[in-house]
Structure formats: structure tokens, C-alpha cells
């Protein structure tokens, strides 16, 4: 099955988790399905034994992280 998507397509939670792990450790073992998808979307580049985030991949994670931080309720807005 071919799973090509453009760089802006939605990613599953598991696919984002793989991308985040690669940000921390470019040698992280990623499933072949996630590897193929992230490569085809241009979010990572193959560097032999590791996958390196591309500028597009870093930007995608930054945008996602900013969105998640806005969605989390802050402690001063909570009611007891």
C-alpha cells in the first residue's frame, strides 16, 4: 500500500509521536510504515543509520507544539 501524503496532511497521534522521538534521537527505531510516510511527506531525510528532521519537519512539530500548549488549560483558570 502506498501511503504518500503531502507535508501538511494530518498525522495520527502515533505518527506525531514517531516524529517527536526523532527530534530527540535521530537514531530512534521507527516502524517501516512511519519511516516511509515521514520520508514521503518530506518531514525527515534518510541519513543512513538515522533519520534527520528536515526544516519542514521541525516547523511542523513547532506548530503542533504551539497548538497543544494553547489547548491545555492553565492552572490559574481551573476551578476547584
Protein backbone atom coordinates (compact mmCIF):
# COMPACT_ATOMS: atom_id res chain seq x y z
CA UNK A 1 0.00 0.00 0.00
CA UNK A 2 1.34 3.42 -0.96
CA UNK A 3 0.80 6.00 1.78
CA UNK A 4 2.08 9.20 0.20
CA UNK A 5 0.65 12.37 1.72
CA UNK A 6 1.71 15.97 1.33
CA UNK A 7 3.70 17.64 4.12
CA UNK A 8 0.61 19.38 5.51
CA UNK A 9 -1.62 16.30 5.73
CA UNK A 10 -2.94 15.18 9.08
CA UNK A 11 -0.81 12.77 11.08
CA UNK A 12 -2.09 10.26 13.58
CA UNK A 13 -1.06 10.55 17.21
CA UNK A 14 1.37 7.63 16.68
CA UNK A 15 2.91 9.25 13.60
CA UNK A 16 3.46 12.51 15.51
CA UNK A 17 4.97 10.53 18.37
CA UNK A 18 7.48 8.97 15.95
CA UNK A 19 8.36 12.41 14.59
CA UNK A 20 8.81 13.80 18.12
CA UNK A 21 11.07 10.88 19.11
CA UNK A 22 13.21 11.54 16.05
CA UNK A 23 13.58 15.16 17.15
CA UNK A 24 15.15 13.86 20.38
CA UNK A 25 17.07 10.93 18.92
CA UNK A 26 17.72 10.69 15.18
CA UNK A 27 18.74 7.03 15.62
CA UNK A 28 15.38 6.08 17.18
CA UNK A 29 13.99 2.87 15.66
CA UNK A 30 10.87 3.84 13.74
CA UNK A 31 8.43 1.40 12.16
CA UNK A 32 8.95 0.94 8.44
CA UNK A 33 5.44 2.32 7.81
CA UNK A 34 6.13 5.52 9.76
CA UNK A 35 9.60 5.80 8.20
CA UNK A 36 8.17 5.57 4.68
CA UNK A 37 5.38 8.05 5.45
CA UNK A 38 7.63 10.66 7.10
CA UNK A 39 10.13 10.38 4.23
CA UNK A 40 7.43 10.70 1.57
CA UNK A 41 5.99 13.77 3.31
CA UNK A 42 9.43 15.41 3.42
CA UNK A 43 9.39 15.66 7.22
CA UNK A 44 12.60 13.63 7.61
CA UNK A 45 15.64 12.86 5.49
CA UNK A 46 17.41 9.49 5.36
CA UNK A 47 20.98 9.74 6.61
CA UNK A 48 21.93 6.07 6.64
CA UNK A 49 21.51 4.80 10.20
CA UNK A 50 19.39 7.75 11.23
CA UNK A 51 16.51 9.92 10.13
CA UNK A 52 17.07 13.66 10.42
CA UNK A 53 14.24 16.14 10.69
CA UNK A 54 14.03 18.47 7.74
CA UNK A 55 13.21 22.15 8.16
CA UNK A 56 9.64 21.22 7.21
CA UNK A 57 9.57 18.56 9.93
CA UNK A 58 10.91 20.95 12.58
CA UNK A 59 8.37 23.60 11.57
CA UNK A 60 5.56 21.05 11.67
CA UNK A 61 6.49 20.00 15.21
CA UNK A 62 6.84 23.63 16.36
CA UNK A 63 3.37 24.47 15.03
CA UNK A 64 1.87 21.39 16.65
CA UNK A 65 3.57 22.08 19.98
CA UNK A 66 2.31 25.69 19.99
CA UNK A 67 -1.23 24.50 19.22
CA UNK A 68 -1.12 21.90 22.01
CA UNK A 69 0.15 24.43 24.55
CA UNK A 70 -2.83 26.71 23.76
CA UNK A 71 -5.29 23.84 24.18
CA UNK A 72 -4.09 22.85 27.66
CA UNK A 73 -5.96 24.65 30.43
CA UNK A 74 -3.68 26.80 32.50
CA UNK A 75 -3.59 26.25 36.26
CA UNK A 76 -4.89 29.76 37.04
CA UNK A 77 -8.08 29.18 35.03
CA UNK A 78 -9.09 25.99 36.84
CA UNK A 79 -11.92 25.97 39.30
CA UNK A 80 -11.88 23.83 42.42
